[in-house]
N, C-alpha and C. Protein backbone atom coordinates (compact mmCIF):
# COMPACT_ATOMS: atom_id res chain seq x y z
N MET A 1 -6.79 -22.84 2.52
CA MET A 1 -7.57 -23.15 3.73
C MET A 1 -6.95 -22.46 4.92
N ALA A 2 -7.76 -21.79 5.72
CA ALA A 2 -7.23 -21.06 6.87
C ALA A 2 -6.72 -22.03 7.92
N VAL A 3 -5.66 -21.64 8.58
CA VAL A 3 -5.07 -22.44 9.64
C VAL A 3 -5.36 -21.76 10.96
N ASN A 4 -5.80 -22.51 11.96
CA ASN A 4 -6.13 -21.94 13.26
C ASN A 4 -4.86 -21.73 14.07
N PHE A 5 -4.46 -20.48 14.21
CA PHE A 5 -3.28 -20.12 14.97
C PHE A 5 -3.66 -19.36 16.23
N SER A 6 -4.81 -19.62 16.78
CA SER A 6 -5.31 -18.82 17.88
C SER A 6 -4.80 -19.27 19.24
N THR A 7 -3.94 -20.28 19.30
CA THR A 7 -3.44 -20.75 20.58
C THR A 7 -2.49 -19.73 21.19
N GLN A 8 -2.43 -19.74 22.52
CA GLN A 8 -1.55 -18.82 23.23
C GLN A 8 -0.09 -19.04 22.85
N LYS A 9 0.28 -20.29 22.62
CA LYS A 9 1.67 -20.60 22.26
C LYS A 9 2.08 -19.87 21.00
N PHE A 10 1.21 -19.89 19.98
CA PHE A 10 1.59 -19.22 18.73
C PHE A 10 1.72 -17.71 18.93
N PHE A 11 0.75 -17.11 19.62
CA PHE A 11 0.81 -15.67 19.81
C PHE A 11 2.03 -15.25 20.61
N ASN A 12 2.49 -16.11 21.49
CA ASN A 12 3.70 -15.80 22.26
C ASN A 12 4.91 -15.69 21.35
N GLU A 13 4.87 -16.35 20.20
CA GLU A 13 6.00 -16.33 19.28
C GLU A 13 5.96 -15.13 18.33
N VAL A 14 4.85 -14.44 18.26
CA VAL A 14 4.75 -13.26 17.41
C VAL A 14 5.25 -12.04 18.19
N PRO A 15 6.17 -11.25 17.63
CA PRO A 15 6.68 -10.07 18.34
C PRO A 15 5.60 -9.02 18.54
N ASP A 16 5.76 -8.18 19.57
CA ASP A 16 4.80 -7.10 19.80
C ASP A 16 4.75 -6.17 18.60
N LEU A 17 5.91 -5.82 18.06
CA LEU A 17 6.00 -4.99 16.85
C LEU A 17 7.43 -5.07 16.34
N VAL A 18 7.58 -5.37 15.06
CA VAL A 18 8.91 -5.48 14.46
C VAL A 18 9.39 -4.08 14.07
N ASP A 19 10.49 -3.65 14.65
CA ASP A 19 10.96 -2.27 14.50
C ASP A 19 11.16 -1.84 13.05
N LYS A 20 11.66 -2.73 12.21
CA LYS A 20 12.01 -2.31 10.84
C LYS A 20 10.78 -1.83 10.07
N TYR A 21 9.60 -2.27 10.46
CA TYR A 21 8.39 -1.86 9.76
C TYR A 21 7.88 -0.48 10.22
N THR A 22 8.54 0.10 11.21
CA THR A 22 8.20 1.46 11.65
C THR A 22 9.10 2.51 11.02
N SER A 23 10.06 2.10 10.21
CA SER A 23 10.98 3.05 9.58
C SER A 23 10.25 3.91 8.55
N ASN A 24 10.81 5.08 8.25
CA ASN A 24 10.20 5.98 7.27
C ASN A 24 10.01 5.28 5.92
N GLU A 25 11.04 4.56 5.47
CA GLU A 25 10.98 3.89 4.17
C GLU A 25 9.87 2.85 4.13
N SER A 26 9.79 2.06 5.19
CA SER A 26 8.77 1.00 5.22
C SER A 26 7.36 1.58 5.31
N ARG A 27 7.17 2.60 6.14
CA ARG A 27 5.83 3.20 6.29
C ARG A 27 5.34 3.79 4.98
N LYS A 28 6.23 4.42 4.23
CA LYS A 28 5.82 5.06 2.98
C LYS A 28 5.31 4.06 1.96
N LYS A 29 5.84 2.85 1.98
CA LYS A 29 5.44 1.87 0.97
C LYS A 29 4.45 0.84 1.51
N THR A 30 3.88 1.11 2.68
CA THR A 30 2.90 0.21 3.27
C THR A 30 1.52 0.85 3.24
N VAL A 31 0.54 0.12 2.71
CA VAL A 31 -0.84 0.58 2.66
C VAL A 31 -1.68 -0.35 3.55
N THR A 32 -2.29 0.22 4.57
CA THR A 32 -3.19 -0.54 5.43
C THR A 32 -4.58 -0.52 4.82
N ILE A 33 -5.14 -1.70 4.60
CA ILE A 33 -6.50 -1.82 4.05
C ILE A 33 -7.43 -2.33 5.14
N LEU A 34 -8.49 -1.59 5.38
CA LEU A 34 -9.44 -1.92 6.43
C LEU A 34 -10.85 -1.97 5.86
N GLY A 35 -11.73 -2.64 6.57
CA GLY A 35 -13.12 -2.75 6.13
C GLY A 35 -13.76 -3.97 6.77
N SER A 36 -14.90 -4.34 6.27
CA SER A 36 -15.66 -5.44 6.85
C SER A 36 -14.88 -6.75 6.85
N ALA A 37 -15.04 -7.52 7.92
CA ALA A 37 -14.45 -8.85 7.99
C ALA A 37 -15.51 -9.93 7.78
N THR A 38 -16.67 -9.54 7.26
CA THR A 38 -17.74 -10.49 6.96
C THR A 38 -18.24 -10.26 5.54
N ASN A 39 -18.86 -11.28 4.97
CA ASN A 39 -19.41 -11.18 3.62
C ASN A 39 -20.87 -10.75 3.66
N SER A 40 -21.27 -9.97 2.68
CA SER A 40 -22.69 -9.65 2.51
C SER A 40 -22.90 -9.23 1.06
N LYS A 41 -24.14 -9.34 0.60
CA LYS A 41 -24.47 -8.97 -0.78
C LYS A 41 -24.12 -7.51 -1.05
N ALA A 42 -24.37 -6.65 -0.08
CA ALA A 42 -24.12 -5.22 -0.26
C ALA A 42 -22.63 -4.91 -0.42
N LEU A 43 -21.77 -5.80 0.07
CA LEU A 43 -20.33 -5.55 0.03
C LEU A 43 -19.65 -6.11 -1.22
N GLU A 44 -20.37 -6.87 -2.03
CA GLU A 44 -19.73 -7.53 -3.17
C GLU A 44 -19.03 -6.54 -4.10
N GLU A 45 -19.68 -5.41 -4.37
CA GLU A 45 -19.08 -4.39 -5.24
C GLU A 45 -17.78 -3.88 -4.63
N TYR A 46 -17.77 -3.68 -3.32
CA TYR A 46 -16.57 -3.15 -2.67
C TYR A 46 -15.48 -4.20 -2.55
N MET A 47 -15.86 -5.46 -2.42
CA MET A 47 -14.86 -6.52 -2.41
C MET A 47 -14.17 -6.61 -3.77
N ASP A 48 -14.93 -6.44 -4.85
CA ASP A 48 -14.32 -6.41 -6.18
C ASP A 48 -13.38 -5.22 -6.33
N MET A 49 -13.80 -4.07 -5.82
CA MET A 49 -12.95 -2.89 -5.86
C MET A 49 -11.68 -3.11 -5.05
N CYS A 50 -11.83 -3.71 -3.88
CA CYS A 50 -10.69 -3.99 -3.02
C CYS A 50 -9.69 -4.90 -3.71
N ALA A 51 -10.19 -5.91 -4.42
CA ALA A 51 -9.31 -6.83 -5.14
C ALA A 51 -8.50 -6.08 -6.19
N GLU A 52 -9.15 -5.19 -6.94
CA GLU A 52 -8.46 -4.44 -7.98
C GLU A 52 -7.43 -3.47 -7.39
N VAL A 53 -7.81 -2.81 -6.31
CA VAL A 53 -6.90 -1.86 -5.66
C VAL A 53 -5.69 -2.59 -5.08
N THR A 54 -5.94 -3.70 -4.39
CA THR A 54 -4.84 -4.45 -3.77
C THR A 54 -3.87 -4.97 -4.82
N GLU A 55 -4.40 -5.54 -5.89
CA GLU A 55 -3.53 -6.04 -6.96
C GLU A 55 -2.67 -4.90 -7.53
N GLY A 56 -3.30 -3.76 -7.81
CA GLY A 56 -2.56 -2.63 -8.36
C GLY A 56 -1.47 -2.13 -7.43
N LEU A 57 -1.77 -2.05 -6.15
CA LEU A 57 -0.79 -1.57 -5.17
C LEU A 57 0.40 -2.53 -5.06
N VAL A 58 0.10 -3.83 -4.95
CA VAL A 58 1.19 -4.81 -4.82
C VAL A 58 2.08 -4.80 -6.06
N LYS A 59 1.47 -4.76 -7.23
CA LYS A 59 2.26 -4.76 -8.47
C LYS A 59 3.07 -3.48 -8.62
N ASN A 60 2.66 -2.40 -7.95
CA ASN A 60 3.41 -1.15 -7.99
C ASN A 60 4.43 -1.05 -6.86
N GLY A 61 4.59 -2.13 -6.09
CA GLY A 61 5.67 -2.16 -5.10
C GLY A 61 5.27 -1.89 -3.67
N TYR A 62 3.98 -1.75 -3.39
CA TYR A 62 3.53 -1.46 -2.03
C TYR A 62 3.32 -2.75 -1.23
N ASN A 63 3.55 -2.66 0.07
CA ASN A 63 3.15 -3.71 1.00
C ASN A 63 1.69 -3.50 1.37
N ILE A 64 0.97 -4.59 1.60
CA ILE A 64 -0.40 -4.52 2.09
C ILE A 64 -0.42 -4.98 3.53
N LEU A 65 -1.00 -4.17 4.41
CA LEU A 65 -1.12 -4.52 5.82
C LEU A 65 -2.60 -4.66 6.15
N SER A 66 -2.97 -5.80 6.75
CA SER A 66 -4.37 -6.02 7.09
C SER A 66 -4.45 -6.84 8.37
N GLY A 67 -5.68 -7.23 8.71
CA GLY A 67 -5.91 -7.99 9.93
C GLY A 67 -5.87 -9.49 9.75
N CYS A 68 -5.63 -9.96 8.52
CA CYS A 68 -5.39 -11.37 8.27
C CYS A 68 -6.64 -12.24 8.31
N GLY A 69 -7.83 -11.64 8.33
CA GLY A 69 -9.05 -12.44 8.31
C GLY A 69 -9.30 -13.04 6.94
N SER A 70 -10.23 -13.98 6.86
CA SER A 70 -10.46 -14.69 5.61
C SER A 70 -11.77 -14.32 4.93
N HIS A 71 -12.51 -13.33 5.45
CA HIS A 71 -13.81 -12.98 4.89
C HIS A 71 -13.89 -11.49 4.57
N GLY A 72 -14.87 -11.13 3.75
CA GLY A 72 -15.17 -9.73 3.48
C GLY A 72 -14.02 -8.96 2.85
N ILE A 73 -13.97 -7.68 3.15
CA ILE A 73 -12.91 -6.80 2.64
C ILE A 73 -11.55 -7.29 3.10
N MET A 74 -11.45 -7.65 4.39
CA MET A 74 -10.18 -8.11 4.94
C MET A 74 -9.68 -9.36 4.21
N GLY A 75 -10.58 -10.31 3.99
CA GLY A 75 -10.19 -11.52 3.30
C GLY A 75 -9.78 -11.26 1.86
N THR A 76 -10.48 -10.34 1.19
CA THR A 76 -10.15 -9.99 -0.19
C THR A 76 -8.76 -9.38 -0.28
N ALA A 77 -8.47 -8.42 0.60
CA ALA A 77 -7.15 -7.78 0.60
C ALA A 77 -6.06 -8.81 0.87
N TYR A 78 -6.31 -9.67 1.84
CA TYR A 78 -5.33 -10.70 2.20
C TYR A 78 -5.05 -11.64 1.02
N GLU A 79 -6.11 -12.14 0.40
CA GLU A 79 -5.95 -13.10 -0.69
C GLU A 79 -5.26 -12.49 -1.90
N GLU A 80 -5.61 -11.24 -2.23
CA GLU A 80 -4.99 -10.59 -3.39
C GLU A 80 -3.53 -10.29 -3.12
N ALA A 81 -3.21 -9.86 -1.90
CA ALA A 81 -1.82 -9.60 -1.55
C ALA A 81 -1.02 -10.89 -1.60
N LYS A 82 -1.61 -11.97 -1.12
CA LYS A 82 -0.94 -13.28 -1.16
C LYS A 82 -0.69 -13.71 -2.61
N LYS A 83 -1.67 -13.47 -3.45
CA LYS A 83 -1.61 -13.93 -4.84
C LYS A 83 -0.56 -13.18 -5.66
N HIS A 84 -0.42 -11.87 -5.42
CA HIS A 84 0.40 -11.04 -6.30
C HIS A 84 1.73 -10.59 -5.68
N SER A 85 1.97 -10.89 -4.42
CA SER A 85 3.16 -10.44 -3.72
C SER A 85 4.42 -11.11 -4.25
N ALA A 86 5.52 -10.37 -4.12
CA ALA A 86 6.83 -11.00 -4.29
C ALA A 86 7.01 -11.99 -3.13
N VAL A 87 7.81 -13.03 -3.35
CA VAL A 87 7.99 -14.05 -2.32
C VAL A 87 9.45 -14.19 -1.93
N ASP A 88 9.68 -14.68 -0.70
CA ASP A 88 11.05 -14.94 -0.27
C ASP A 88 11.47 -16.33 -0.72
N MET A 89 12.64 -16.77 -0.30
CA MET A 89 13.18 -18.05 -0.76
C MET A 89 12.35 -19.25 -0.30
N ASN A 90 11.52 -19.02 0.72
CA ASN A 90 10.64 -20.09 1.21
C ASN A 90 9.23 -20.00 0.63
N GLY A 91 9.03 -19.07 -0.32
CA GLY A 91 7.73 -18.93 -0.95
C GLY A 91 6.74 -18.12 -0.14
N ARG A 92 7.21 -17.41 0.90
CA ARG A 92 6.31 -16.61 1.73
C ARG A 92 6.07 -15.25 1.09
N PRO A 93 4.81 -14.81 0.92
CA PRO A 93 4.51 -13.51 0.29
C PRO A 93 4.96 -12.35 1.17
N ILE A 94 6.04 -11.71 0.82
CA ILE A 94 6.66 -10.72 1.71
C ILE A 94 5.95 -9.36 1.70
N GLN A 95 5.03 -9.13 0.75
CA GLN A 95 4.28 -7.87 0.74
C GLN A 95 2.92 -8.01 1.43
N ASN A 96 2.67 -9.16 2.01
CA ASN A 96 1.40 -9.45 2.67
C ASN A 96 1.63 -9.42 4.19
N LEU A 97 1.37 -8.29 4.82
CA LEU A 97 1.70 -8.09 6.24
C LEU A 97 0.43 -8.12 7.09
N THR A 98 0.60 -8.47 8.36
CA THR A 98 -0.55 -8.44 9.26
C THR A 98 -0.14 -8.07 10.68
N ILE A 99 -1.06 -7.45 11.40
CA ILE A 99 -0.97 -7.26 12.85
C ILE A 99 -2.15 -7.98 13.45
N LEU A 100 -1.88 -8.90 14.35
CA LEU A 100 -2.90 -9.77 14.91
C LEU A 100 -3.50 -9.20 16.18
N VAL A 101 -4.76 -9.54 16.41
CA VAL A 101 -5.40 -9.25 17.69
C VAL A 101 -5.45 -10.54 18.49
N GLU A 102 -5.03 -10.44 19.74
CA GLU A 102 -5.03 -11.60 20.63
C GLU A 102 -6.16 -11.49 21.66
N PRO A 103 -7.00 -12.52 21.84
CA PRO A 103 -6.92 -13.83 21.18
C PRO A 103 -7.41 -13.77 19.74
N GLY A 104 -6.94 -14.69 18.93
CA GLY A 104 -7.30 -14.69 17.52
C GLY A 104 -8.74 -15.11 17.28
N TRP A 105 -9.20 -14.81 16.07
CA TRP A 105 -10.57 -15.15 15.70
C TRP A 105 -10.70 -16.61 15.24
N GLY A 106 -9.56 -17.23 14.95
CA GLY A 106 -9.58 -18.62 14.54
C GLY A 106 -9.54 -18.84 13.04
N ASP A 107 -9.57 -17.76 12.24
CA ASP A 107 -9.53 -17.94 10.78
C ASP A 107 -8.26 -17.33 10.17
N GLU A 108 -7.27 -17.03 11.02
CA GLU A 108 -6.03 -16.43 10.52
C GLU A 108 -5.21 -17.48 9.75
N ASP A 109 -4.63 -17.05 8.63
CA ASP A 109 -3.79 -17.93 7.82
C ASP A 109 -2.38 -17.34 7.82
N LEU A 110 -1.64 -17.63 8.86
CA LEU A 110 -0.31 -17.03 9.03
C LEU A 110 0.74 -17.67 8.14
N LYS A 111 0.38 -18.76 7.47
CA LYS A 111 1.34 -19.43 6.59
C LYS A 111 1.66 -18.59 5.37
N HIS A 112 0.74 -17.70 4.98
CA HIS A 112 0.89 -16.96 3.72
C HIS A 112 1.01 -15.46 3.92
N CYS A 113 1.54 -15.04 5.06
CA CYS A 113 1.77 -13.61 5.27
C CYS A 113 2.89 -13.43 6.30
N VAL A 114 3.22 -12.19 6.57
CA VAL A 114 4.27 -11.87 7.54
C VAL A 114 3.65 -11.16 8.73
N PRO A 115 3.55 -11.82 9.89
CA PRO A 115 3.05 -11.14 11.09
C PRO A 115 4.10 -10.16 11.61
N ILE A 116 3.77 -8.87 11.63
CA ILE A 116 4.75 -7.87 12.07
C ILE A 116 4.44 -7.34 13.47
N GLY A 117 3.37 -7.81 14.08
CA GLY A 117 3.04 -7.36 15.43
C GLY A 117 1.76 -7.99 15.92
N LYS A 118 1.44 -7.73 17.17
CA LYS A 118 0.20 -8.23 17.77
C LYS A 118 -0.31 -7.20 18.76
N ALA A 119 -1.59 -7.30 19.08
CA ALA A 119 -2.22 -6.35 19.99
C ALA A 119 -3.28 -7.08 20.81
N LYS A 120 -3.52 -6.59 22.01
CA LYS A 120 -4.51 -7.20 22.89
C LYS A 120 -5.89 -6.55 22.78
N SER A 121 -6.01 -5.54 21.93
CA SER A 121 -7.30 -4.88 21.72
C SER A 121 -7.31 -4.25 20.35
N GLU A 122 -8.51 -3.93 19.86
CA GLU A 122 -8.61 -3.26 18.57
C GLU A 122 -7.97 -1.88 18.62
N ALA A 123 -8.12 -1.17 19.74
CA ALA A 123 -7.52 0.16 19.87
C ALA A 123 -6.00 0.08 19.77
N GLU A 124 -5.41 -0.93 20.41
CA GLU A 124 -3.96 -1.09 20.34
C GLU A 124 -3.51 -1.44 18.92
N ARG A 125 -4.30 -2.25 18.23
CA ARG A 125 -3.93 -2.60 16.86
C ARG A 125 -4.02 -1.38 15.94
N ILE A 126 -5.04 -0.54 16.11
CA ILE A 126 -5.14 0.67 15.31
C ILE A 126 -3.91 1.54 15.52
N ASP A 127 -3.47 1.68 16.77
CA ASP A 127 -2.28 2.45 17.09
C ASP A 127 -1.06 1.88 16.36
N LYS A 128 -0.95 0.57 16.29
CA LYS A 128 0.19 -0.06 15.62
C LYS A 128 0.07 0.04 14.10
N PHE A 129 -1.15 -0.01 13.57
CA PHE A 129 -1.32 0.28 12.15
C PHE A 129 -0.76 1.67 11.83
N PHE A 130 -1.05 2.64 12.67
CA PHE A 130 -0.62 4.02 12.44
C PHE A 130 0.91 4.13 12.52
N LYS A 131 1.52 3.33 13.38
CA LYS A 131 2.98 3.38 13.54
C LYS A 131 3.72 2.71 12.40
N THR A 132 3.06 1.82 11.67
CA THR A 132 3.74 1.05 10.64
C THR A 132 3.30 1.38 9.22
N SER A 133 2.40 2.34 9.06
CA SER A 133 1.89 2.67 7.72
C SER A 133 1.62 4.16 7.62
N ASP A 134 1.93 4.73 6.46
CA ASP A 134 1.58 6.12 6.18
C ASP A 134 0.36 6.24 5.28
N ASN A 135 -0.21 5.09 4.90
CA ASN A 135 -1.30 5.09 3.92
C ASN A 135 -2.42 4.16 4.38
N PHE A 136 -3.67 4.67 4.30
CA PHE A 136 -4.81 3.89 4.76
C PHE A 136 -5.95 3.98 3.75
N VAL A 137 -6.47 2.81 3.38
CA VAL A 137 -7.63 2.75 2.50
C VAL A 137 -8.71 1.99 3.27
N VAL A 138 -9.79 2.70 3.60
CA VAL A 138 -10.83 2.13 4.46
C VAL A 138 -12.09 1.92 3.63
N PHE A 139 -12.48 0.66 3.47
CA PHE A 139 -13.69 0.29 2.75
C PHE A 139 -14.86 0.19 3.74
N PRO A 140 -16.10 0.10 3.24
CA PRO A 140 -17.25 -0.04 4.14
C PRO A 140 -17.16 -1.27 5.03
N GLY A 141 -17.80 -1.17 6.18
CA GLY A 141 -17.82 -2.28 7.12
C GLY A 141 -18.83 -2.01 8.21
N GLY A 142 -18.51 -2.44 9.41
CA GLY A 142 -19.41 -2.26 10.54
C GLY A 142 -18.90 -1.23 11.53
N SER A 143 -19.32 -1.37 12.78
CA SER A 143 -18.95 -0.39 13.79
C SER A 143 -17.45 -0.38 14.06
N THR A 144 -16.80 -1.55 13.94
CA THR A 144 -15.35 -1.59 14.15
C THR A 144 -14.63 -0.82 13.05
N THR A 145 -15.14 -0.89 11.82
CA THR A 145 -14.54 -0.12 10.72
C THR A 145 -14.65 1.37 10.98
N LEU A 146 -15.79 1.82 11.48
CA LEU A 146 -15.94 3.23 11.83
C LEU A 146 -15.00 3.62 12.96
N GLN A 147 -14.84 2.72 13.93
CA GLN A 147 -13.88 2.98 15.01
C GLN A 147 -12.48 3.14 14.45
N GLU A 148 -12.10 2.26 13.53
CA GLU A 148 -10.78 2.34 12.92
C GLU A 148 -10.61 3.65 12.16
N ALA A 149 -11.61 4.01 11.34
CA ALA A 149 -11.51 5.23 10.53
C ALA A 149 -11.41 6.47 11.41
N THR A 150 -12.27 6.60 12.40
CA THR A 150 -12.27 7.80 13.24
C THR A 150 -11.02 7.86 14.12
N SER A 151 -10.52 6.72 14.55
CA SER A 151 -9.28 6.71 15.34
C SER A 151 -8.10 7.18 14.50
N LEU A 152 -8.01 6.70 13.26
CA LEU A 152 -6.93 7.13 12.38
C LEU A 152 -7.02 8.62 12.09
N ILE A 153 -8.24 9.11 11.83
CA ILE A 153 -8.43 10.54 11.58
C ILE A 153 -8.03 11.35 12.80
N ASN A 154 -8.36 10.87 13.97
CA ASN A 154 -8.01 11.58 15.21
C ASN A 154 -6.51 11.61 15.42
N PHE A 155 -5.83 10.48 15.14
CA PHE A 155 -4.37 10.46 15.23
C PHE A 155 -3.77 11.51 14.29
N LYS A 156 -4.27 11.54 13.06
CA LYS A 156 -3.73 12.48 12.06
C LYS A 156 -3.98 13.91 12.49
N LYS A 157 -5.12 14.17 13.10
CA LYS A 157 -5.46 15.53 13.54
C LYS A 157 -4.41 16.12 14.46
N HIS A 158 -3.78 15.27 15.26
CA HIS A 158 -2.83 15.74 16.27
C HIS A 158 -1.40 15.85 15.74
N LEU A 159 -1.15 15.44 14.50
CA LEU A 159 0.20 15.53 13.96
C LEU A 159 0.59 16.97 13.69
N GLU A 160 1.85 17.26 13.94
CA GLU A 160 2.39 18.57 13.59
C GLU A 160 2.63 18.62 12.08
N ASP A 161 2.77 19.83 11.56
CA ASP A 161 2.99 19.99 10.12
C ASP A 161 4.28 19.33 9.67
N SER A 162 5.25 19.19 10.58
CA SER A 162 6.54 18.61 10.22
C SER A 162 6.54 17.09 10.30
N ALA A 163 5.43 16.49 10.77
CA ALA A 163 5.36 15.03 10.91
C ALA A 163 5.16 14.37 9.55
N PRO A 164 5.45 13.06 9.46
CA PRO A 164 5.23 12.35 8.19
C PRO A 164 3.78 12.48 7.72
N VAL A 165 3.62 12.62 6.42
CA VAL A 165 2.28 12.77 5.85
C VAL A 165 1.54 11.43 5.95
N LYS A 166 0.31 11.47 6.44
CA LYS A 166 -0.54 10.28 6.50
C LYS A 166 -1.69 10.46 5.49
N LYS A 167 -1.86 9.46 4.64
CA LYS A 167 -2.92 9.50 3.62
C LYS A 167 -4.06 8.60 4.09
N ILE A 168 -5.25 9.18 4.27
CA ILE A 168 -6.42 8.41 4.67
C ILE A 168 -7.48 8.53 3.58
N ILE A 169 -7.82 7.40 2.97
CA ILE A 169 -8.83 7.36 1.91
C ILE A 169 -10.00 6.51 2.39
N LEU A 170 -11.18 7.09 2.37
CA LEU A 170 -12.41 6.36 2.67
C LEU A 170 -13.09 6.03 1.35
N VAL A 171 -13.50 4.79 1.17
CA VAL A 171 -14.01 4.34 -0.12
C VAL A 171 -15.54 4.23 -0.08
N GLY A 172 -16.19 5.03 -0.91
CA GLY A 172 -17.64 4.93 -1.05
C GLY A 172 -18.38 6.10 -0.44
N LYS A 173 -18.80 7.04 -1.29
CA LYS A 173 -19.53 8.21 -0.80
C LYS A 173 -20.85 7.80 -0.15
N ASP A 174 -21.49 6.76 -0.69
CA ASP A 174 -22.77 6.34 -0.14
C ASP A 174 -22.64 5.84 1.29
N PHE A 175 -21.48 5.25 1.62
CA PHE A 175 -21.27 4.74 2.97
C PHE A 175 -20.72 5.80 3.91
N PHE A 176 -19.78 6.63 3.44
CA PHE A 176 -19.05 7.54 4.32
C PHE A 176 -19.54 8.98 4.27
N ASP A 177 -20.57 9.28 3.48
CA ASP A 177 -21.04 10.66 3.38
C ASP A 177 -21.55 11.17 4.73
N GLY A 178 -22.18 10.30 5.51
CA GLY A 178 -22.65 10.71 6.83
C GLY A 178 -21.50 11.09 7.75
N LEU A 179 -20.40 10.34 7.64
CA LEU A 179 -19.22 10.66 8.45
C LEU A 179 -18.62 12.00 8.04
N LEU A 180 -18.59 12.26 6.74
CA LEU A 180 -18.11 13.55 6.25
C LEU A 180 -18.94 14.69 6.82
N LYS A 181 -20.24 14.54 6.77
CA LYS A 181 -21.12 15.60 7.31
C LYS A 181 -20.89 15.79 8.80
N GLN A 182 -20.65 14.70 9.52
CA GLN A 182 -20.40 14.82 10.95
C GLN A 182 -19.11 15.60 11.22
N TYR A 183 -18.07 15.33 10.42
CA TYR A 183 -16.81 16.07 10.61
C TYR A 183 -16.94 17.52 10.18
N GLU A 184 -17.76 17.79 9.20
CA GLU A 184 -18.01 19.20 8.83
C GLU A 184 -18.69 19.93 9.99
N THR A 185 -19.61 19.26 10.67
CA THR A 185 -20.28 19.86 11.83
C THR A 185 -19.30 20.04 12.99
N ILE A 186 -18.48 19.02 13.23
CA ILE A 186 -17.48 19.12 14.30
C ILE A 186 -16.55 20.30 14.06
N PHE A 187 -16.11 20.45 12.81
CA PHE A 187 -15.21 21.57 12.49
C PHE A 187 -15.91 22.91 12.67
N ARG A 188 -17.18 22.97 12.31
CA ARG A 188 -17.94 24.22 12.46
C ARG A 188 -18.06 24.61 13.94
N PHE A 189 -18.20 23.64 14.81
CA PHE A 189 -18.33 23.90 16.24
C PHE A 189 -16.97 24.10 16.92
N ASN A 190 -15.90 23.56 16.30
CA ASN A 190 -14.58 23.61 16.93
C ASN A 190 -13.50 24.03 15.94
N PRO A 191 -13.62 25.20 15.30
CA PRO A 191 -12.67 25.58 14.25
C PRO A 191 -11.24 25.80 14.75
N ASP A 192 -11.09 26.07 16.03
CA ASP A 192 -9.75 26.30 16.56
C ASP A 192 -9.08 25.00 17.00
N TRP A 193 -9.84 23.92 17.05
CA TRP A 193 -9.31 22.66 17.56
C TRP A 193 -9.21 21.61 16.47
N TYR A 194 -10.17 21.63 15.54
CA TYR A 194 -10.18 20.65 14.46
C TYR A 194 -9.73 21.26 13.15
N LYS A 195 -9.16 20.41 12.30
CA LYS A 195 -8.83 20.81 10.94
C LYS A 195 -10.04 20.52 10.06
N PRO A 196 -10.18 21.22 8.93
CA PRO A 196 -11.30 20.92 8.03
C PRO A 196 -11.18 19.49 7.51
N PRO A 197 -12.32 18.83 7.28
CA PRO A 197 -12.29 17.42 6.88
C PRO A 197 -11.43 17.14 5.66
N GLU A 198 -11.43 18.06 4.70
CA GLU A 198 -10.67 17.81 3.46
C GLU A 198 -9.17 17.71 3.71
N SER A 199 -8.69 18.23 4.83
CA SER A 199 -7.27 18.10 5.15
C SER A 199 -6.97 16.83 5.94
N LEU A 200 -8.00 16.12 6.35
CA LEU A 200 -7.82 14.92 7.16
C LEU A 200 -8.03 13.64 6.36
N PHE A 201 -8.97 13.65 5.41
CA PHE A 201 -9.23 12.44 4.64
C PHE A 201 -9.90 12.79 3.32
N LYS A 202 -9.87 11.81 2.39
CA LYS A 202 -10.57 11.93 1.11
C LYS A 202 -11.59 10.80 1.01
N ILE A 203 -12.70 11.09 0.35
CA ILE A 203 -13.66 10.05 0.01
C ILE A 203 -13.60 9.83 -1.49
N LEU A 204 -13.24 8.62 -1.91
CA LEU A 204 -13.13 8.27 -3.32
C LEU A 204 -14.05 7.10 -3.63
N ASN A 205 -14.34 6.90 -4.92
CA ASN A 205 -15.39 5.96 -5.29
C ASN A 205 -14.99 4.85 -6.25
N THR A 206 -13.81 4.94 -6.85
CA THR A 206 -13.43 3.93 -7.83
C THR A 206 -11.99 3.49 -7.62
N PRO A 207 -11.64 2.27 -8.04
CA PRO A 207 -10.25 1.82 -7.96
C PRO A 207 -9.29 2.75 -8.71
N LYS A 208 -9.72 3.28 -9.85
CA LYS A 208 -8.86 4.17 -10.62
C LYS A 208 -8.52 5.42 -9.82
N GLU A 209 -9.52 6.00 -9.15
CA GLU A 209 -9.26 7.19 -8.32
C GLU A 209 -8.29 6.87 -7.19
N ILE A 210 -8.47 5.71 -6.58
CA ILE A 210 -7.62 5.33 -5.45
C ILE A 210 -6.19 5.11 -5.89
N LEU A 211 -6.00 4.35 -6.96
CA LEU A 211 -4.65 4.03 -7.41
C LEU A 211 -3.90 5.26 -7.91
N LYS A 212 -4.63 6.28 -8.37
CA LYS A 212 -3.97 7.52 -8.79
C LYS A 212 -3.29 8.22 -7.61
N GLU A 213 -3.71 7.91 -6.39
CA GLU A 213 -3.13 8.51 -5.20
C GLU A 213 -1.77 7.91 -4.84
N PHE A 214 -1.39 6.81 -5.51
CA PHE A 214 -0.17 6.08 -5.14
C PHE A 214 0.75 5.97 -6.32
N PRO A 215 1.85 6.72 -6.34
CA PRO A 215 2.80 6.62 -7.45
C PRO A 215 3.47 5.25 -7.46
N LYS A 216 3.88 4.81 -8.63
CA LYS A 216 4.55 3.54 -8.76
C LYS A 216 5.88 3.58 -8.02
N LEU A 217 6.16 2.52 -7.26
CA LEU A 217 7.46 2.38 -6.59
C LEU A 217 8.40 1.52 -7.41
N LEU A 218 7.84 0.73 -8.33
CA LEU A 218 8.65 -0.16 -9.17
C LEU A 218 8.71 0.38 -10.59
N LYS A 219 9.87 0.34 -11.19
CA LYS A 219 10.02 0.78 -12.58
C LYS A 219 9.71 -0.38 -13.52
């Protein structure tokens, strides 16, 4: 059952960003999962895919970073990470990470995850996702999901070749094909400013394809 942690007092106790999660080692083993925070019939297939991907990543040693919501893609990632994560001595799932948006939505369950930061806007939270993760798997969602995807792609576009590699995977050709075409057009109009889409992100369609992108961290 979700616990309402949306009071100002609770958010005051959450750090802006925990430094250790910005380290190279931590970023490499952290996968940020994004997508719809609401349920719908059309999303059921992707929620099932998200569950399989999240379970596989956690069992292979990756941390899952999400927005801590209890519905849709976000809720699926959160619940699967909670279910399969290693736990600390107090039983807290240590591979289930979150960055909160203040004020909260009221459905956050902070009892079963590790809050590693907070943000006062979605744009600020996206920036902190980028600072704490080198890997992003974006499932279908609404306009906020598109904002998250395009912001991450834009951040990656500006990285130098010597910067840490950022992996951005968009899940579902039927949902993201229009975005791919838009980036192909942008690149055609701005070849000296933009990189070709294939160097910025991949569109994959199955859990097997996604998990092949992540080598096992645990023997």
